[in-house]
Amino acid sequence: MNTTVSAVSSNGVYSFTKPNRDSITLLAGLGVEGDVHAGVTVRHRSRMAQDPAQPNLRQVHLIHQELFSQLRGAGFAVAPGDLGENVTTSGIDLLALPVGTRLHLGDEAVVEVTGLRNPCLQIDNFQGGLLKQVVGRADDGTLVRKAGIMGVVTTGGVVRPGDPIEVELPAEPHRPLERV
């Protein structure tokens, strides 16, 4: 299966959803050019309230297109950008990647995976009951977050729908993703 970028999205204002774009430009150490969440320090409002000086480990939000198919099967209508992601992927199990994985997007851009997105109650304001679909419990009781992953831009570049994605795993031992 081809591993590709399905859609790219950004928004210059705080909003739950992000409109799809023809392309986005990733800026090393900052995130998506013009996106409200771009910056060296944290830009998510709840995190800024806790400590505005903490490093921004959530510069780029990626979600796998396959999640939308699962959600449609549960009766929810969700499309790229609806959950606030910057990059929608196809053909890659983002949630199984270890911390430190480098995703080469298109010809130049590289995003290093930092952890899992921790979806909040705003997701139920978008569509009631959706939070229970993207956060659940495994058989052993551990919390399972399915709303995508977060990363930081290590190499900038333009990213477009249809661009290939190359996965570069970090040296072992691999660390599983945790909430960031």
C-alpha atoms as a PDB file:
ATOM      1  CA  MET A   1       0.000   0.000   0.000  1.00  0.00           C
ATOM      2  CA  ASN A   2       1.214   3.521  -0.783  1.00  0.00           C
ATOM      3  CA  THR A   3       1.938   5.713   2.191  1.00  0.00           C
ATOM      4  CA  THR A   4       0.849   9.213   1.251  1.00  0.00           C
ATOM      5  CA  VAL A   5      -0.450  12.561   2.441  1.00  0.00           C
ATOM      6  CA  SER A   6      -4.240  12.594   1.886  1.00  0.00           C
ATOM      7  CA  ALA A   7      -4.879  16.207   2.890  1.00  0.00           C
ATOM      8  CA  VAL A   8      -3.212  19.201   4.516  1.00  0.00           C
ATOM      9  CA  SER A   9      -4.936  21.779   6.714  1.00  0.00           C
ATOM     10  CA  SER A  10      -4.126  24.901   8.699  1.00  0.00           C
ATOM     11  CA  ASN A  11      -5.872  27.749  10.459  1.00  0.00           C
ATOM     12  CA  GLY A  12      -4.515  31.089  11.628  1.00  0.00           C
ATOM     13  CA  VAL A  13      -7.133  31.405  14.384  1.00  0.00           C
ATOM     14  CA  TYR A  14      -8.162  29.132  17.236  1.00  0.00           C
ATOM     15  CA  SER A  15     -10.899  26.873  15.929  1.00  0.00           C
ATOM     16  CA  PHE A  16     -11.601  23.199  16.413  1.00  0.00           C
ATOM     17  CA  THR A  17     -11.501  22.452  12.690  1.00  0.00           C
ATOM     18  CA  LYS A  18      -8.931  23.509  10.106  1.00  0.00           C
ATOM     19  CA  PRO A  19      -9.725  24.181   6.451  1.00  0.00           C
ATOM     20  CA  ASN A  20      -8.019  22.030   3.831  1.00  0.00           C
ATOM     21  CA  ARG A  21      -5.321  23.716   1.743  1.00  0.00           C
ATOM     22  CA  ASP A  22      -3.605  23.033  -1.564  1.00  0.00           C
ATOM     23  CA  SER A  23      -0.324  22.967   0.391  1.00  0.00           C
ATOM     24  CA  ILE A  24       1.186  23.879   3.737  1.00  0.00           C
ATOM     25  CA  THR A  25       4.714  24.984   4.504  1.00  0.00           C
ATOM     26  CA  LEU A  26       6.440  23.385   7.487  1.00  0.00           C
ATOM     27  CA  LEU A  27       9.002  25.569   9.262  1.00  0.00           C
ATOM     28  CA  ALA A  28      11.841  23.873  11.169  1.00  0.00           C
ATOM     29  CA  GLY A  29      11.423  24.264  14.926  1.00  0.00           C
ATOM     30  CA  LEU A  30       8.081  26.068  14.581  1.00  0.00           C
ATOM     31  CA  GLY A  31       5.380  24.043  12.836  1.00  0.00           C
ATOM     32  CA  VAL A  32       2.962  24.957  10.054  1.00  0.00           C
ATOM     33  CA  GLU A  33       3.475  28.438   8.647  1.00  0.00           C
ATOM     34  CA  GLY A  34       0.495  30.636   9.514  1.00  0.00           C
ATOM     35  CA  ASP A  35      -1.097  28.058  11.809  1.00  0.00           C
ATOM     36  CA  VAL A  36      -2.211  29.193  15.254  1.00  0.00           C
ATOM     37  CA  HIS A  37      -0.315  26.290  16.874  1.00  0.00           C
ATOM     38  CA  ALA A  38       3.065  27.155  15.312  1.00  0.00           C
ATOM     39  CA  GLY A  39       5.794  28.262  17.692  1.00  0.00           C
ATOM     40  CA  VAL A  40       8.812  27.267  19.736  1.00  0.00           C
ATOM     41  CA  THR A  41       6.771  27.244  22.944  1.00  0.00           C
ATOM     42  CA  VAL A  42       3.398  25.602  23.474  1.00  0.00           C
ATOM     43  CA  ARG A  43       0.433  27.179  21.629  1.00  0.00           C
ATOM     44  CA  HIS A  44      -2.467  25.036  22.801  1.00  0.00           C
ATOM     45  CA  ARG A  45      -4.574  27.210  25.100  1.00  0.00           C
ATOM     46  CA  SER A  46      -4.962  24.715  27.943  1.00  0.00           C
ATOM     47  CA  ARG A  47      -1.221  24.052  27.962  1.00  0.00           C
ATOM     48  CA  MET A  48      -0.370  27.770  27.831  1.00  0.00           C
ATOM     49  CA  ALA A  49      -2.549  28.289  30.910  1.00  0.00           C
ATOM     50  CA  GLN A  50      -0.460  25.680  32.770  1.00  0.00           C
ATOM     51  CA  ASP A  51       2.989  26.859  31.638  1.00  0.00           C
ATOM     52  CA  PRO A  52       3.418  29.109  28.580  1.00  0.00           C
ATOM     53  CA  ALA A  53       7.208  28.528  28.551  1.00  0.00           C
ATOM     54  CA  GLN A  54       7.061  24.757  27.967  1.00  0.00           C
ATOM     55  CA  PRO A  55       8.457  23.573  24.622  1.00  0.00           C
ATOM     56  CA  ASN A  56       5.973  23.022  21.812  1.00  0.00           C
ATOM     57  CA  LEU A  57       5.991  19.264  21.213  1.00  0.00           C
ATOM     58  CA  ARG A  58       2.681  19.648  19.337  1.00  0.00           C
ATOM     59  CA  GLN A  59       3.747  21.716  16.311  1.00  0.00           C
ATOM     60  CA  VAL A  60       2.143  19.369  13.779  1.00  0.00           C
ATOM     61  CA  HIS A  61      -0.916  17.171  14.298  1.00  0.00           C
ATOM     62  CA  LEU A  62      -1.259  14.102  12.048  1.00  0.00           C
ATOM     63  CA  ILE A  63      -4.279  11.790  11.732  1.00  0.00           C
ATOM     64  CA  HIS A  64      -4.617   8.633   9.666  1.00  0.00           C
ATOM     65  CA  GLN A  65      -7.376   8.701   7.023  1.00  0.00           C
ATOM     66  CA  GLU A  66      -8.357   5.190   8.087  1.00  0.00           C
ATOM     67  CA  LEU A  67      -9.751   6.606  11.363  1.00  0.00           C
ATOM     68  CA  PHE A  68     -12.409   8.479   9.386  1.00  0.00           C
ATOM     69  CA  SER A  69     -13.585   5.196   7.841  1.00  0.00           C
ATOM     70  CA  GLN A  70     -13.879   3.652  11.302  1.00  0.00           C
ATOM     71  CA  LEU A  71     -15.826   6.663  12.541  1.00  0.00           C
ATOM     72  CA  ARG A  72     -18.190   6.545   9.539  1.00  0.00           C
ATOM     73  CA  GLY A  73     -18.886   2.916  10.439  1.00  0.00           C
ATOM     74  CA  ALA A  74     -19.951   4.120  13.895  1.00  0.00           C
ATOM     75  CA  GLY A  75     -22.283   6.752  12.394  1.00  0.00           C
ATOM     76  CA  PHE A  76     -20.042   9.849  12.487  1.00  0.00           C
ATOM     77  CA  ALA A  77     -19.268  12.106   9.531  1.00  0.00           C
ATOM     78  CA  VAL A  78     -15.650  13.234   9.839  1.00  0.00           C
ATOM     79  CA  ALA A  79     -13.411  14.496   7.040  1.00  0.00           C
ATOM     80  CA  PRO A  80      -9.806  15.725   6.810  1.00  0.00           C
ATOM     81  CA  GLY A  81      -9.262  18.859   8.884  1.00  0.00           C
ATOM     82  CA  ASP A  82     -12.427  18.350  10.951  1.00  0.00           C
ATOM     83  CA  LEU A  83     -10.504  17.193  14.031  1.00  0.00           C
ATOM     84  CA  GLY A  84      -7.953  20.006  13.784  1.00  0.00           C
ATOM     85  CA  GLU A  85      -5.142  18.026  12.203  1.00  0.00           C
ATOM     86  CA  ASN A  86      -2.576  19.559   9.887  1.00  0.00           C
ATOM     87  CA  VAL A  87      -1.690  16.407   7.928  1.00  0.00           C
ATOM     88  CA  THR A  88      -4.031  13.544   7.072  1.00  0.00           C
ATOM     89  CA  THR A  89      -2.150  10.388   6.083  1.00  0.00           C
ATOM     90  CA  SER A  90      -3.088   7.208   4.268  1.00  0.00           C
ATOM     91  CA  GLY A  91      -1.501   3.766   4.479  1.00  0.00           C
ATOM     92  CA  ILE A  92       0.419   4.165   7.746  1.00  0.00           C
ATOM     93  CA  ASP A  93      -0.429   3.057  11.277  1.00  0.00           C
ATOM     94  CA  LEU A  94       0.537   6.312  12.982  1.00  0.00           C
ATOM     95  CA  LEU A  95      -0.491   5.094  16.439  1.00  0.00           C
ATOM     96  CA  ALA A  96       1.987   2.175  16.283  1.00  0.00           C
ATOM     97  CA  LEU A  97       5.020   4.376  15.584  1.00  0.00           C
ATOM     98  CA  PRO A  98       7.588   4.834  18.355  1.00  0.00           C
ATOM     99  CA  VAL A  99       8.653   8.183  19.773  1.00  0.00           C
ATOM    100  CA  GLY A 100      11.383   9.715  17.631  1.00  0.00           C
ATOM    101  CA  THR A 101      10.162   8.304  14.326  1.00  0.00           C
ATOM    102  CA  ARG A 102      10.965  10.700  11.507  1.00  0.00           C
ATOM    103  CA  LEU A 103       8.299  11.129   8.845  1.00  0.00           C
ATOM    104  CA  HIS A 104       9.640  12.438   5.545  1.00  0.00           C
ATOM    105  CA  LEU A 105       6.740  14.254   3.910  1.00  0.00           C
ATOM    106  CA  GLY A 106       7.155  15.036   0.216  1.00  0.00           C
ATOM    107  CA  ASP A 107      10.525  16.146  -1.123  1.00  0.00           C
ATOM    108  CA  GLU A 108      11.934  18.026   1.880  1.00  0.00           C
ATOM    109  CA  ALA A 109       9.873  18.238   5.067  1.00  0.00           C
ATOM    110  CA  VAL A 110      10.611  16.031   8.075  1.00  0.00           C
ATOM    111  CA  VAL A 111       8.438  15.737  11.201  1.00  0.00           C
ATOM    112  CA  GLU A 112       9.737  13.924  14.282  1.00  0.00           C
ATOM    113  CA  VAL A 113       6.991  12.142  16.224  1.00  0.00           C
ATOM    114  CA  THR A 114       6.724  13.276  19.863  1.00  0.00           C
ATOM    115  CA  GLY A 115       3.601  11.495  21.104  1.00  0.00           C
ATOM    116  CA  LEU A 116      -0.143  10.978  21.011  1.00  0.00           C
ATOM    117  CA  ARG A 117      -2.775  13.664  20.753  1.00  0.00           C
ATOM    118  CA  ASN A 118      -4.903  13.803  23.861  1.00  0.00           C
ATOM    119  CA  PRO A 119      -8.391  14.686  22.619  1.00  0.00           C
ATOM    120  CA  CYS A 120     -10.486  16.912  24.873  1.00  0.00           C
ATOM    121  CA  LEU A 121     -14.189  17.528  25.422  1.00  0.00           C
ATOM    122  CA  GLN A 122     -14.282  19.975  22.490  1.00  0.00           C
ATOM    123  CA  ILE A 123     -14.529  16.935  20.248  1.00  0.00           C
ATOM    124  CA  ASP A 124     -18.023  16.240  21.635  1.00  0.00           C
ATOM    125  CA  ASN A 125     -19.005  19.840  20.848  1.00  0.00           C
ATOM    126  CA  PHE A 126     -18.091  19.057  17.230  1.00  0.00           C
ATOM    127  CA  GLN A 127     -20.193  15.852  17.226  1.00  0.00           C
ATOM    128  CA  GLY A 128     -21.811  14.464  20.357  1.00  0.00           C
ATOM    129  CA  GLY A 129     -20.401  11.079  21.410  1.00  0.00           C
ATOM    130  CA  LEU A 130     -17.307  11.356  19.222  1.00  0.00           C
ATOM    131  CA  LEU A 131     -14.901  11.468  22.184  1.00  0.00           C
ATOM    132  CA  LYS A 132     -15.884   7.913  23.170  1.00  0.00           C
ATOM    133  CA  GLN A 133     -14.971   6.788  19.652  1.00  0.00           C
ATOM    134  CA  VAL A 134     -11.432   8.227  19.757  1.00  0.00           C
ATOM    135  CA  VAL A 135     -10.623   7.462  23.401  1.00  0.00           C
ATOM    136  CA  GLY A 136     -11.314   4.069  24.899  1.00  0.00           C
ATOM    137  CA  ARG A 137      -9.909   1.264  26.983  1.00  0.00           C
ATOM    138  CA  ALA A 138      -7.955  -1.799  25.906  1.00  0.00           C
ATOM    139  CA  ASP A 139      -8.869  -5.213  27.297  1.00  0.00           C
ATOM    140  CA  ASP A 140      -6.267  -4.724  30.039  1.00  0.00           C
ATOM    141  CA  GLY A 141      -7.832  -1.392  31.051  1.00  0.00           C
ATOM    142  CA  THR A 142      -5.165   0.899  29.638  1.00  0.00           C
ATOM    143  CA  LEU A 143      -6.316   4.098  27.979  1.00  0.00           C
ATOM    144  CA  VAL A 144      -6.233   4.044  24.161  1.00  0.00           C
ATOM    145  CA  ARG A 145      -6.038   7.357  22.290  1.00  0.00           C
ATOM    146  CA  LYS A 146      -6.878   7.152  18.575  1.00  0.00           C
ATOM    147  CA  ALA A 147      -7.092  10.850  17.571  1.00  0.00           C
ATOM    148  CA  GLY A 148      -3.683  11.020  15.927  1.00  0.00           C
ATOM    149  CA  ILE A 149      -0.138  11.891  16.798  1.00  0.00           C
ATOM    150  CA  MET A 150       1.896  15.031  17.343  1.00  0.00           C
ATOM    151  CA  GLY A 151       5.326  16.012  16.126  1.00  0.00           C
ATOM    152  CA  VAL A 152       7.905  18.735  15.686  1.00  0.00           C
ATOM    153  CA  VAL A 153       9.347  19.956  12.402  1.00  0.00           C
ATOM    154  CA  THR A 154      13.038  19.110  12.076  1.00  0.00           C
ATOM    155  CA  THR A 155      13.337  20.035   8.385  1.00  0.00           C
ATOM    156  CA  GLY A 156      11.035  22.498   6.690  1.00  0.00           C
ATOM    157  CA  GLY A 157       9.399  22.215   3.309  1.00  0.00           C
ATOM    158  CA  VAL A 158       6.151  22.334   1.369  1.00  0.00           C
ATOM    159  CA  VAL A 159       3.691  19.441   1.842  1.00  0.00           C
ATOM    160  CA  ARG A 160       0.820  18.707  -0.542  1.00  0.00           C
ATOM    161  CA  PRO A 161      -1.915  16.084  -0.852  1.00  0.00           C
ATOM    162  CA  GLY A 162      -0.538  13.106  -2.767  1.00  0.00           C
ATOM    163  CA  ASP A 163       3.007  13.555  -1.466  1.00  0.00           C
ATOM    164  CA  PRO A 164       4.732  10.314  -0.438  1.00  0.00           C
ATOM    165  CA  ILE A 165       5.591   9.619   3.201  1.00  0.00           C
ATOM    166  CA  GLU A 166       8.759   7.775   4.120  1.00  0.00           C
ATOM    167  CA  VAL A 167       9.028   6.371   7.653  1.00  0.00           C
ATOM    168  CA  GLU A 168      12.423   6.397   9.378  1.00  0.00           C
ATOM    169  CA  LEU A 169      12.341   4.521  12.676  1.00  0.00           C
ATOM    170  CA  PRO A 170      14.663   5.592  15.511  1.00  0.00           C
ATOM    171  CA  ALA A 171      17.377   3.371  16.943  1.00  0.00           C
ATOM    172  CA  GLU A 172      16.163   0.657  19.283  1.00  0.00           C
ATOM    173  CA  PRO A 173      14.977   0.253  21.931  1.00  0.00           C
ATOM    174  CA  HIS A 174      11.773   1.880  20.705  1.00  0.00           C
ATOM    175  CA  ARG A 175       9.639   3.858  23.145  1.00  0.00           C
ATOM    176  CA  PRO A 176       5.872   3.625  22.692  1.00  0.00           C
ATOM    177  CA  LEU A 177       3.897   6.822  22.170  1.00  0.00           C
ATOM    178  CA  GLU A 178       2.444   8.557  25.194  1.00  0.00           C
ATOM    179  CA  ARG A 179       0.255  11.637  25.543  1.00  0.00           C
ATOM    180  CA  VAL A 180       1.989  14.963  24.815  1.00  0.00           C
END
